[in-house]
Amino acid sequence: MTTTPLQQPLRALHRALRDGSVSAAALAESANQAYRSRGQHDHAYKTWNGDAAQAFANATDALLKQGGDAGPLMGLPVSIKDIYAVPGLPTYAGSSRRLPAEWERPGPVVSTLLNQLPVVMGKTHTVEFAFGGLGTNAHHGAPRNPWDPAAHRTPGGSSSGAGVSLASGTAGLAFGTDTAGSVRVPASMTGVAGLKTTVGRWSTAQIVPLSTTLDTPGLLARRVDDLAFAFDALDPGLSPGSAGLPAMPDLADLTFGVPEHFFWDDCSPGIAEAVTQAIKQLETAGARIVTMELPKTDDAFTLFQQGGLAAAELAAFLHTSLPNAIDALDPNVAARIAAADGMPGWEYVRRRQVIDDLTRAATQRLWQVDAMLTPTVAITPPTLESLEPEGAYPKANMKALRNTVMANFMGLCALTLPVGRDAANMPVGLQVMAGPWQDARLLAIGQAIEARLGNSLDILGEVPTVG
């Protein structure tokens, strides 16, 4: 695939837009060209906004030439998951029907973004109502994982089009959400970086809810440093009092906890090996590696296997706000919703209490280290064909989300970055988890890790061409 301007770091593009060495129009045209060359194949977008984005980019250039500056993200092409309300673009939330007009009025995250005048390339596909970790969708089809040009492999979900939009060159920054891993799983499977913010740090208003308890907005980008750049641009407006990112620490000053159990169990060939090698490189660079388990992971996974909170909370939203959508649900989503119908109120309260207990225990444990390191996803992205036999989808879905859901159930912030390829030649992610509200510190740590290991282009090279 030909190198495009959008493969450059966001910081470099930010500077180039202001010194005139690149234009917003050129970046938008690069995204449009990538869409024309592989958009039909990769299927990242539910709604493509290419023509309007190009016109907006032209107007942005005129403003930049006059010395106007709306913020760090001005002129940069972005994609937005189709559960965010965005003015002028329909919201389907992965369902078969367009949602009511109220879901096109922006909430705080999108408003903060749009105030900086980015170029919105379109809205990316999602698993229906964000309820799934593989990226499939019975209504609209699954985006293709661009790292396998032959077989149709899952891109990860539920932000299924987000990582594909980056890997395919149609955006420089992607907005997703994360309830059990829905930013980190697609980021890991498509070879990019992804950030799950702490619950409550950024508002979820006007983002179609899956779990009102666990939903978090998140970001995907080609590099951790791109995530840090975007987070720094957005966070002051979304988290009053934010002091910005701290300086990137020296690896020799960091202590990482690495568990021996659970996260490494039954990994697909090559995944554990790639992550282990990355951790050894960090240790060689001076980082202190200590064996440490996250407390109560078995309790957390049992709760997840029981349906956690998402099934009940999504069922409540659908019954009260979108009852007409229930009969047309994707069978994989409908089965999980139906399982929640018989849950008594006391059981829901019990599960909320378990989440609170898990959060307290994990927060206390993580004070002992700077961050925890694990594989992000334990399985290689499965082919769609492999998910067709009865029982195959729920088994693979549970396995894909097993490692990431721990951060959600334990109230942590987390990120993933690519560290190699597995035996199937698909990307492998390293998950980095830190205590609640440590998002800025986590990104600084991620920058230090990336500076040692390299970014996605260094590690994975360019996405294979199609055709």
Foldseek 3Di string as FASTA:
>chain_A
DDDAPLVDFLVVVLVCCLVVVDFLLRLLVQLVVLCVQCVVQQVFAPWFPNVVLNVLRVVLSVCSVVVDFQFSQASFEEEEALQAADAPAFHDQLFQDTDDPVLNDGDQQVVLVCSRHYRYGHHTAFARNFPFWFQAHPRRGGGAQLQDQPFRFTLTARSRSFLVSAQSSNGAKYKDKDQLQHFPLNCQQNFWKKWFAFPPQADCPSRRDQFPQQITIMMIGQALVSRLSVCQGRRCSGHPPDPHFDAQDQQLPFEAEEEPDDLQPPFDFAQVVLQVVLVVLSVVSRHHYDYDDQPPLVVLLVCVVLPQRRLVRNLVCCVVPPVVRLVRHDVVSNVSNVSCPPDDPVVNVVSVVQLVVSQVRRQVRQVVGAKYKGWQARYRGGGPVQCPPPPSRVVRRSRRSSRRNSCRSNRWIKMWHWRAAGPVLTTTIMMIIHHHPCRSVSSSNSVNSCVRRPTSCVHNNHRDRHD
